[in-house]
Structure formats: C-alpha cells, structure tokens
Amino acid sequence: MAQDSDLERSEAPSQRRLDKAREDGQVARSRELSTFLLCAGAAIYFVSSGSALVDEMRLGMRAGLSISRQDAFEPSAMGQRLQLFCLHALGSLAPLFIVLAAIAVLAALAVGGWMFSVMACAPNPGRLNPLAGLKRMVSQRGLIELAKTLVKTILLACLAGWLLWDMRVAVLGLATQNVASGLDDLGGMLGHTLFWMCGGLGLIAIGDVPIQILRHRGELKMTRQDVRDEQRDVDGNPQVRARIRQLQRAMARRRMMAAVPKADVVVVNPTHYAVALCYSQSMRAPRVVAKGGDEVALRIRELAQEHRVPILDAPPLARALYRHTDIGHEIPAALYEAVALVMAYIFQLRRFNTEGGAYPLVPVSLPVPAELDPGAGTIA
C-alpha cells in the first residue's frame, strides 16, 4: 500500500518541474481565449474602420473592372491589371492582418507567458503513429475536448438562432431598400451579430482558461518518489552530504591543529575547554587560532606541550573565549583587559626564559565579565 501511494501522482509540481516543462515547450495555452481575442479584435476593427475598408475595396474593384478598348486587345494588360488589383487589396487588408497578428501574440502571452523552445519545434515521429492518435482521441482529455466543442457549438448556434429571430423583420426589410442603404443596414446588423458572437466566445474563454491551467498543472503532478528523487538531485545524496561534512570538519580540524604550535598561549579550563591565542604587532587584537572541548581540548593541550607553547589555567577566561569567539576572529572587546594580562605574563615568561631573573607571577582572578562566562556561579 505504501508503495502504491508513492507511485500515485498526488503531489503538486515543483518549480523545477514547471521550469523543465517550459524548457520543453509545455505551457498552459487556451485556444478559446485566442479565438475570442482574435474575433473581438476583428469586430472592433471592422466597426471602427469597416467603412474605409469597404471604400478602398470598392475603388479597387472599380479600377479592376474598368477596362479600356486598348487594354482589351493587349494580352499582357489583363495580367498586369490583376497584379495591381491584388497589390491594392493586400495594401487595404494589411492593417487588419497586422492587428490580428499582434492580438495572436498577446493572446499567447496572456496564458503561459512568453516562451521560445527548440524542443517544441523538434520532430516527433510518435505523433504520426495512428494508434497513438486514436488513443488520444478516446482518452479522458479527448473526451473532455469533445464535450467542450459540443457545448461551444450548441451555445453559439443558440445565440446565432436567437439573433436571427430577433432581426427577422429587419432582414426581410432589406429587400425593399436600395443598394446603398441596404448595405449600410446589413453592415450594422453584421456588426451587431459579430459583437454578440464575440460575447459568447468570451464566456467560453472565461471558463476555458482556468481549466487549461489546472489541466497543465495536473499533467505535471509528481509522485512522492519523484519528489524524493528531485530533492536528492538538488541537494545530493544524504549519505554523500554527511560524508562531505565529515571530511570538511576533519580538514578544518587539521588546519586548526596545525595553528596550535604557532600560538602564543593556550588558555584552558582544566578538563573541558582549551583556546589557543596568537598576537602580533600587525593585529589590532589577539585572535583565536584554535579551540575545542573535551577530546579536542585534550589534543590541543598535548600539541601545546609538545611544542612548548605556554598553557595557562584560567577557567572563566577559557569558557568565555570558547563561547563568544570563533576561530580566526579577534577576541571580544569586553575581554581585552583579561587577555592583556595574559599576554603580559607570556611576554614576561619569554624574557625570563631568555634572560633569566625573577619568575613572572601567574595572573589570577582575571577580570572576566560574568555575562560572558557561561560557568559563572558554578565550580570550574
């Protein structure tokens, strides 16, 4: 049962899957929205510029049918006149073609956004398979498309029938009018009908857009196993990540241990903490070059003893440095005074080892603020 649940497409598609689908040319598109916008754009254009377009076409038709006696006996004249008539008609219709092309682009951008994918243009021999085409026809998606087409056809047919019945008197009255007024009235009725039909297409588009978006996301749904595989691809195998972190910690520890012999002093809490400090004139304040607790602290002490690095037993300072300072960072300003006393003792100890004299006094009761000492009030 658990395996069946993992193979069921019940998870929403991830952003990575959506991006991959877009790269492959799979985006939500609504043909009904494109059809509505194209029809609405054409209707608006015809209503606003239809009279000018009709005048242009009338002039072109009149010029094309006006043939002189000389042209009638010239074999090449008819071809030239036909060519001029076609160019004139194309120039008259060019604004309409430009408007429709712009609307087609905007309609594609409205749902799914801009997309250019070479994968969508790649040849797919599987589309030529008649069995695959038949399977698509009888699939759930094919049946839904068929039902949608039937609903659209019935809606538009009912709307067209209602419009014709409503205008039946005006349509019959066209026979009693002269040609000019009849054409004007016919144009008005056609524009009225076109707007109503566009309204019906708009209702269909409003219902189709969310359906296409939901269908697109439904087709990209993922199984739980897909989610785990994708997460593993993005983040890497958990065991590999754990091994990498382990190696990184080991490398960082080796680098830290290599800095212990170069330290000036190791401040310790006898059993739990060890912090190695280093200071030079180029530094603004002493830096922590190594720190650790328990076993790591013991190893820092051993390295310090091997390389004769002074070890100072100062539990409050060791705890404060361990808790509030990172490796490679300067000590907090609140610990300047305490660390200055320690460094002064270390410099005096070096002078004693080289020049002799009185042995320096080991600093005790270092001024460590209680708020920086996590062990304040307890036995070190």
Protein backbone atom coordinates (compact mmCIF):
# COMPACT_ATOMS: atom_id res chain seq x y z
CA MET A 1 0.00 0.00 0.00
CA ALA A 2 2.81 2.39 0.84
CA GLN A 3 4.47 1.62 -2.49
CA ASP A 4 1.22 2.34 -4.38
CA SER A 5 0.91 5.64 -2.50
CA ASP A 6 4.45 6.61 -3.50
CA LEU A 7 3.63 5.96 -7.19
CA GLU A 8 0.40 7.96 -7.19
CA ARG A 9 0.61 11.45 -8.71
CA SER A 10 -0.70 13.31 -5.70
CA GLU A 11 1.98 15.97 -5.18
CA ALA A 12 1.86 19.45 -6.72
CA PRO A 13 4.58 20.06 -9.34
CA SER A 14 7.70 21.73 -8.04
CA GLN A 15 9.10 24.92 -9.53
CA ARG A 16 11.94 22.91 -11.04
CA ARG A 17 9.48 20.61 -12.82
CA LEU A 18 7.50 23.61 -14.10
CA ASP A 19 10.68 25.22 -15.41
CA LYS A 20 11.74 21.98 -17.09
CA ALA A 21 8.32 21.68 -18.73
CA ARG A 22 8.60 25.26 -20.01
CA GLU A 23 12.02 24.48 -21.48
CA ASP A 24 10.43 21.54 -23.30
CA GLY A 25 7.64 23.76 -24.64
CA GLN A 26 4.92 22.55 -22.27
CA VAL A 27 2.91 25.51 -21.01
CA ALA A 28 -0.76 26.19 -20.41
CA ARG A 29 -2.46 27.56 -23.53
CA SER A 30 -6.12 28.39 -24.18
CA ARG A 31 -7.22 28.22 -27.81
CA GLU A 32 -10.62 29.55 -26.80
CA LEU A 33 -9.04 32.71 -25.40
CA SER A 34 -7.06 33.20 -28.61
CA THR A 35 -10.18 32.69 -30.71
CA PHE A 36 -12.16 35.17 -28.61
CA LEU A 37 -9.47 37.86 -28.73
CA LEU A 38 -9.00 37.45 -32.49
CA CYS A 39 -12.74 37.70 -33.14
CA ALA A 40 -13.12 40.65 -30.78
CA GLY A 41 -10.18 42.44 -32.40
CA ALA A 42 -11.57 41.83 -35.87
CA ALA A 43 -15.01 43.06 -34.78
CA ILE A 44 -13.60 46.25 -33.30
CA TYR A 45 -11.53 46.86 -36.41
CA PHE A 46 -14.46 46.35 -38.76
CA VAL A 47 -16.72 48.62 -36.72
CA SER A 48 -14.13 51.39 -36.45
CA SER A 49 -12.56 51.11 -39.92
CA GLY A 50 -15.02 49.00 -41.87
CA SER A 51 -16.40 51.88 -43.95
CA ALA A 52 -12.91 52.95 -45.00
CA LEU A 53 -12.03 49.36 -45.86
CA VAL A 54 -15.19 48.97 -47.96
CA ASP A 55 -14.43 52.22 -49.81
CA GLU A 56 -10.90 51.03 -50.56
CA MET A 57 -12.14 47.69 -51.83
CA ARG A 58 -14.86 49.42 -53.92
CA LEU A 59 -12.27 51.65 -55.55
CA GLY A 60 -10.05 48.68 -56.24
CA MET A 61 -12.93 46.70 -57.71
CA ARG A 62 -13.99 49.63 -59.89
CA ALA A 63 -10.45 50.15 -61.12
CA GLY A 64 -10.04 46.45 -61.81
CA LEU A 65 -13.24 46.18 -63.83
CA SER A 66 -12.72 49.40 -65.81
CA ILE A 67 -11.03 48.14 -68.97
CA SER A 68 -10.24 50.39 -71.91
CA ARG A 69 -10.51 49.27 -75.52
CA GLN A 70 -6.73 49.29 -75.89
CA ASP A 71 -6.26 47.04 -72.80
CA ALA A 72 -8.89 44.64 -74.07
CA PHE A 73 -6.74 43.84 -77.12
CA GLU A 74 -3.45 43.70 -75.21
CA PRO A 75 -2.69 40.15 -73.94
CA SER A 76 -0.32 41.25 -71.14
CA ALA A 77 -2.59 44.05 -69.88
CA MET A 78 -5.00 41.73 -68.09
CA GLY A 79 -2.21 40.12 -66.07
CA GLN A 80 -0.79 43.49 -65.08
CA ARG A 81 -4.23 44.77 -64.08
CA LEU A 82 -4.85 41.65 -61.96
CA GLN A 83 -1.47 42.14 -60.29
CA LEU A 84 -2.26 45.77 -59.47
CA PHE A 85 -5.66 44.78 -58.11
CA CYS A 86 -4.10 42.12 -55.81
CA LEU A 87 -1.49 44.58 -54.54
CA HIS A 88 -4.20 47.16 -53.85
CA ALA A 89 -6.32 44.61 -51.97
CA LEU A 90 -3.30 43.43 -49.97
CA GLY A 91 -2.46 47.01 -49.02
CA SER A 92 -6.04 47.61 -47.93
CA LEU A 93 -6.11 44.48 -45.76
CA ALA A 94 -2.56 44.87 -44.37
CA PRO A 95 -3.68 46.90 -41.29
CA LEU A 96 -6.20 44.16 -40.43
CA PHE A 97 -3.54 41.46 -40.76
CA ILE A 98 -1.14 43.43 -38.54
CA VAL A 99 -3.81 43.92 -35.87
CA LEU A 100 -4.72 40.22 -35.89
CA ALA A 101 -1.06 39.16 -35.70
CA ALA A 102 -0.47 41.43 -32.70
CA ILE A 103 -3.61 40.09 -30.98
CA ALA A 104 -2.46 36.49 -31.61
CA VAL A 105 0.86 37.22 -29.90
CA LEU A 106 -0.80 38.96 -26.95
CA ALA A 107 -3.28 36.10 -26.56
CA ALA A 108 -0.40 33.64 -26.29
CA LEU A 109 1.28 35.84 -23.67
CA ALA A 110 -1.92 36.11 -21.62
CA VAL A 111 -1.82 32.44 -20.57
CA GLY A 112 1.56 30.77 -20.20
CA GLY A 113 3.62 33.88 -20.94
CA TRP A 114 6.41 34.27 -23.48
CA MET A 115 8.17 31.07 -24.44
CA PHE A 116 10.63 30.05 -27.13
CA SER A 117 11.64 26.40 -27.06
CA VAL A 118 13.58 24.48 -29.67
CA MET A 119 12.25 21.25 -28.17
CA ALA A 120 8.71 22.22 -29.16
CA CYS A 121 9.84 22.51 -32.79
CA ALA A 122 11.75 19.22 -32.81
CA PRO A 123 10.22 16.47 -34.99
CA ASN A 124 8.38 13.77 -33.08
CA PRO A 125 7.72 10.63 -35.12
CA GLY A 126 5.37 9.41 -32.40
CA ARG A 127 2.81 11.99 -33.47
CA LEU A 128 2.49 10.24 -36.84
CA ASN A 129 1.53 6.97 -35.22
CA PRO A 130 -2.19 6.37 -35.98
CA LEU A 131 -2.59 4.15 -32.92
CA ALA A 132 -1.26 6.90 -30.66
CA GLY A 133 -3.62 9.37 -32.32
CA LEU A 134 -6.58 7.05 -31.82
CA LYS A 135 -5.58 6.57 -28.19
CA ARG A 136 -5.53 10.35 -27.70
CA MET A 137 -8.99 10.63 -29.27
CA VAL A 138 -10.58 8.16 -26.86
CA SER A 139 -8.59 9.33 -23.84
CA GLN A 140 -10.07 11.36 -21.00
CA ARG A 141 -8.60 14.54 -22.43
CA GLY A 142 -10.06 13.77 -25.87
CA LEU A 143 -13.50 13.21 -24.40
CA ILE A 144 -13.28 16.48 -22.47
CA GLU A 145 -12.30 18.32 -25.65
CA LEU A 146 -15.22 16.72 -27.47
CA ALA A 147 -17.65 17.76 -24.75
CA LYS A 148 -16.23 21.28 -24.76
CA THR A 149 -16.62 21.50 -28.54
CA LEU A 150 -20.23 20.33 -28.36
CA VAL A 151 -21.05 22.86 -25.63
CA LYS A 152 -19.40 25.64 -27.63
CA THR A 153 -21.23 24.66 -30.81
CA ILE A 154 -24.61 24.47 -29.07
CA LEU A 155 -24.06 27.80 -27.31
CA LEU A 156 -23.03 29.65 -30.47
CA ALA A 157 -25.81 28.02 -32.51
CA CYS A 158 -28.44 29.05 -29.96
CA LEU A 159 -27.01 32.57 -29.84
CA ALA A 160 -26.98 32.85 -33.64
CA GLY A 161 -30.54 31.50 -33.88
CA TRP A 162 -31.77 33.99 -31.30
CA LEU A 163 -30.09 36.88 -33.15
CA LEU A 164 -31.57 35.86 -36.49
CA TRP A 165 -35.03 35.55 -34.97
CA ASP A 166 -34.68 38.93 -33.27
CA MET A 167 -33.62 40.60 -36.56
CA ARG A 168 -36.01 38.72 -38.86
CA VAL A 169 -38.07 41.82 -39.62
CA ALA A 170 -35.00 43.92 -40.43
CA VAL A 171 -33.53 41.15 -42.61
CA LEU A 172 -36.75 40.85 -44.63
CA GLY A 173 -36.88 44.63 -44.97
CA LEU A 174 -33.56 44.68 -46.82
CA ALA A 175 -35.38 43.54 -49.97
CA THR A 176 -37.38 46.80 -50.10
CA GLN A 177 -34.33 49.12 -49.81
CA ASN A 178 -31.96 50.41 -52.40
CA VAL A 179 -28.46 49.00 -52.62
CA ALA A 180 -26.65 51.76 -50.69
CA SER A 181 -28.99 51.92 -47.71
CA GLY A 182 -29.38 48.14 -47.72
CA LEU A 183 -25.64 47.64 -47.49
CA ASP A 184 -25.42 50.10 -44.61
CA ASP A 185 -28.17 48.34 -42.68
CA LEU A 186 -26.65 44.94 -43.45
CA GLY A 187 -23.28 46.12 -42.18
CA GLY A 188 -24.88 47.33 -38.96
CA MET A 189 -26.66 44.02 -38.45
CA LEU A 190 -23.48 42.05 -39.15
CA GLY A 191 -21.56 44.19 -36.65
CA HIS A 192 -24.29 43.69 -34.05
CA THR A 193 -24.25 39.94 -34.65
CA LEU A 194 -20.46 39.79 -34.53
CA PHE A 195 -20.32 41.52 -31.14
CA TRP A 196 -22.88 39.13 -29.68
CA MET A 197 -20.99 36.13 -31.03
CA CYS A 198 -17.78 37.52 -29.53
CA GLY A 199 -19.58 37.80 -26.20
CA GLY A 200 -20.45 34.10 -26.41
CA LEU A 201 -16.85 33.24 -27.22
CA GLY A 202 -15.78 35.38 -24.27
CA LEU A 203 -17.93 33.33 -21.90
CA ILE A 204 -16.38 30.15 -23.28
CA ALA A 205 -12.87 31.59 -22.89
CA ILE A 206 -13.54 32.62 -19.26
CA GLY A 207 -14.38 29.01 -18.44
CA ASP A 208 -11.59 27.52 -20.56
CA VAL A 209 -8.62 29.48 -19.13
CA PRO A 210 -8.76 28.07 -15.56
CA ILE A 211 -9.48 24.61 -16.97
CA GLN A 212 -6.33 24.70 -19.10
CA ILE A 213 -4.19 25.97 -16.19
CA LEU A 214 -5.50 23.24 -13.87
CA ARG A 215 -5.05 20.61 -16.56
CA HIS A 216 -1.47 21.69 -17.21
CA ARG A 217 -0.57 21.51 -13.53
CA GLY A 218 -2.42 18.20 -13.23
CA GLU A 219 -0.37 16.69 -16.04
CA LEU A 220 2.83 17.78 -14.26
CA LYS A 221 1.86 16.38 -10.85
CA MET A 222 4.54 14.32 -9.18
CA THR A 223 4.62 11.15 -7.15
CA ARG A 224 6.22 11.12 -3.75
CA GLN A 225 9.10 9.16 -5.23
CA ASP A 226 9.55 11.89 -7.87
CA VAL A 227 9.72 14.49 -5.09
CA ARG A 228 12.35 12.48 -3.23
CA ASP A 229 14.37 11.90 -6.39
CA GLU A 230 14.28 15.59 -7.27
CA GLN A 231 15.27 16.59 -3.75
CA ARG A 232 18.16 14.14 -3.93
CA ASP A 233 19.24 15.57 -7.29
CA VAL A 234 19.13 19.11 -5.92
CA ASP A 235 20.68 18.54 -2.51
CA GLY A 236 22.66 15.39 -3.24
CA ASN A 237 22.55 12.01 -1.53
CA PRO A 238 22.19 12.42 2.28
CA GLN A 239 24.98 9.92 2.91
CA VAL A 240 27.26 11.74 0.49
CA ARG A 241 26.41 15.09 2.11
CA ALA A 242 27.15 13.66 5.56
CA ARG A 243 30.46 12.27 4.33
CA ILE A 244 31.37 15.63 2.76
CA ARG A 245 30.56 17.45 6.00
CA GLN A 246 32.62 14.92 7.92
CA LEU A 247 35.59 15.46 5.61
CA GLN A 248 35.19 19.23 5.84
CA ARG A 249 35.19 19.09 9.63
CA ALA A 250 38.26 16.85 9.56
CA MET A 251 40.09 19.25 7.24
CA ALA A 252 39.11 22.24 9.35
CA ARG A 253 40.30 20.43 12.48
CA ARG A 254 43.65 19.60 10.85
CA ARG A 255 44.11 23.23 9.84
CA MET A 256 43.21 24.29 13.36
CA MET A 257 45.62 21.83 14.95
CA ALA A 258 48.39 22.99 12.61
CA ALA A 259 47.99 26.51 14.04
CA VAL A 260 48.44 25.39 17.69
CA PRO A 261 52.28 25.21 17.58
CA LYS A 262 52.35 28.83 16.35
CA ALA A 263 50.12 30.10 19.16
CA ASP A 264 51.43 32.35 21.94
CA VAL A 265 49.39 30.78 24.72
CA VAL A 266 46.73 28.15 25.34
CA VAL A 267 44.11 29.14 27.90
CA VAL A 268 42.41 26.11 29.44
CA ASN A 269 39.68 25.06 31.75
CA PRO A 270 41.46 22.02 33.17
CA THR A 271 39.14 19.35 31.81
CA HIS A 272 36.66 20.79 29.31
CA TYR A 273 37.94 23.70 27.20
CA ALA A 274 41.15 24.84 25.51
CA VAL A 275 41.58 28.04 23.49
CA ALA A 276 44.81 28.94 21.65
CA LEU A 277 45.58 32.66 21.22
CA CYS A 278 48.00 34.40 18.89
CA TYR A 279 49.07 38.04 18.77
CA SER A 280 51.46 40.14 16.65
CA GLN A 281 52.02 43.84 16.19
CA SER A 282 50.13 43.77 12.87
CA MET A 283 46.98 42.65 14.69
CA ARG A 284 44.52 45.03 16.26
CA ALA A 285 43.74 42.49 19.00
CA PRO A 286 44.68 38.87 19.79
CA ARG A 287 42.98 36.21 17.69
CA VAL A 288 41.71 32.74 18.47
CA VAL A 289 43.57 30.25 16.25
CA ALA A 290 42.20 27.05 17.78
CA LYS A 291 39.60 25.99 20.29
CA GLY A 292 37.86 22.82 21.35
CA GLY A 293 36.15 20.92 24.10
CA ASP A 294 36.77 17.59 25.78
CA GLU A 295 38.81 15.34 23.44
CA VAL A 296 39.70 18.20 21.09
CA ALA A 297 40.76 20.31 24.08
CA LEU A 298 42.95 17.44 25.27
CA ARG A 299 44.60 17.21 21.84
CA ILE A 300 45.24 20.98 21.82
CA ARG A 301 46.93 20.66 25.24
CA GLU A 302 49.08 17.78 24.01
CA LEU A 303 50.21 19.71 20.93
CA ALA A 304 50.96 22.76 23.08
CA GLN A 305 53.11 20.65 25.41
CA GLU A 306 54.95 19.03 22.50
CA HIS A 307 55.84 22.42 21.00
CA ARG A 308 56.41 24.17 24.33
CA VAL A 309 53.51 26.58 23.96
CA PRO A 310 52.65 28.06 27.39
CA ILE A 311 49.46 26.71 28.94
CA LEU A 312 47.54 28.93 31.35
CA ASP A 313 44.86 27.54 33.63
CA ALA A 314 42.13 30.22 33.63
CA PRO A 315 38.68 28.58 33.63
CA PRO A 316 36.47 31.72 33.41
CA LEU A 317 38.51 33.17 30.55
CA ALA A 318 38.69 29.82 28.74
CA ARG A 319 34.91 29.41 28.96
CA ALA A 320 34.25 32.97 27.79
CA LEU A 321 36.64 32.69 24.84
CA TYR A 322 35.24 29.31 23.82
CA ARG A 323 31.65 30.51 23.91
CA HIS A 324 31.94 34.01 22.40
CA THR A 325 34.80 33.83 19.85
CA ASP A 326 35.09 31.96 16.55
CA ILE A 327 38.29 30.54 15.13
CA GLY A 328 40.23 33.20 13.21
CA HIS A 329 38.32 36.07 14.82
CA GLU A 330 39.52 38.68 17.28
CA ILE A 331 38.58 38.40 20.92
CA PRO A 332 35.58 40.47 22.15
CA ALA A 333 36.35 43.96 23.41
CA ALA A 334 34.98 43.01 26.84
CA LEU A 335 37.86 40.52 27.24
CA TYR A 336 40.65 42.91 26.21
CA GLU A 337 41.77 43.59 29.79
CA ALA A 338 41.83 39.93 30.83
CA VAL A 339 43.69 38.82 27.70
CA ALA A 340 46.13 41.76 28.03
CA LEU A 341 47.13 40.47 31.48
CA VAL A 342 47.63 37.01 30.00
CA MET A 343 49.77 38.32 27.11
CA ALA A 344 51.83 40.44 29.50
CA TYR A 345 52.52 37.31 31.54
CA ILE A 346 53.54 35.43 28.35
CA PHE A 347 55.99 38.18 27.29
CA GLN A 348 57.48 38.24 30.79
CA LEU A 349 57.80 34.46 30.68
CA ARG A 350 59.67 34.64 27.37
CA ARG A 351 62.06 37.24 28.80
CA PHE A 352 62.64 35.01 31.84
CA ASN A 353 63.44 32.03 29.58
CA THR A 354 65.99 34.03 27.55
CA GLU A 355 67.47 36.48 30.10
CA GLY A 356 66.67 34.91 33.46
CA GLY A 357 65.75 36.97 36.51
CA ALA A 358 62.66 36.76 38.67
CA TYR A 359 59.96 34.31 37.54
CA PRO A 360 56.82 36.24 36.50
CA LEU A 361 53.73 35.98 38.62
CA VAL A 362 50.95 33.86 37.12
CA PRO A 363 47.83 36.06 36.67
CA VAL A 364 44.89 35.06 38.83
CA SER A 365 41.38 36.48 39.22
CA LEU A 366 41.28 37.76 35.67
CA PRO A 367 38.57 40.40 35.06
CA VAL A 368 36.10 38.34 33.01
CA PRO A 369 32.58 39.84 32.89
CA ALA A 370 30.07 37.49 34.46
CA GLU A 371 27.68 37.82 31.48
CA LEU A 372 30.39 36.35 29.20
CA ASP A 373 31.22 33.40 31.45
CA PRO A 374 28.71 30.59 30.89
CA GLY A 375 30.01 28.86 34.04
CA ALA A 376 29.72 31.86 36.37
CA GLY A 377 28.43 30.79 39.76
CA THR A 378 29.42 27.13 39.27
CA ILE A 379 32.55 25.21 40.18
CA ALA A 380 35.08 25.20 37.31
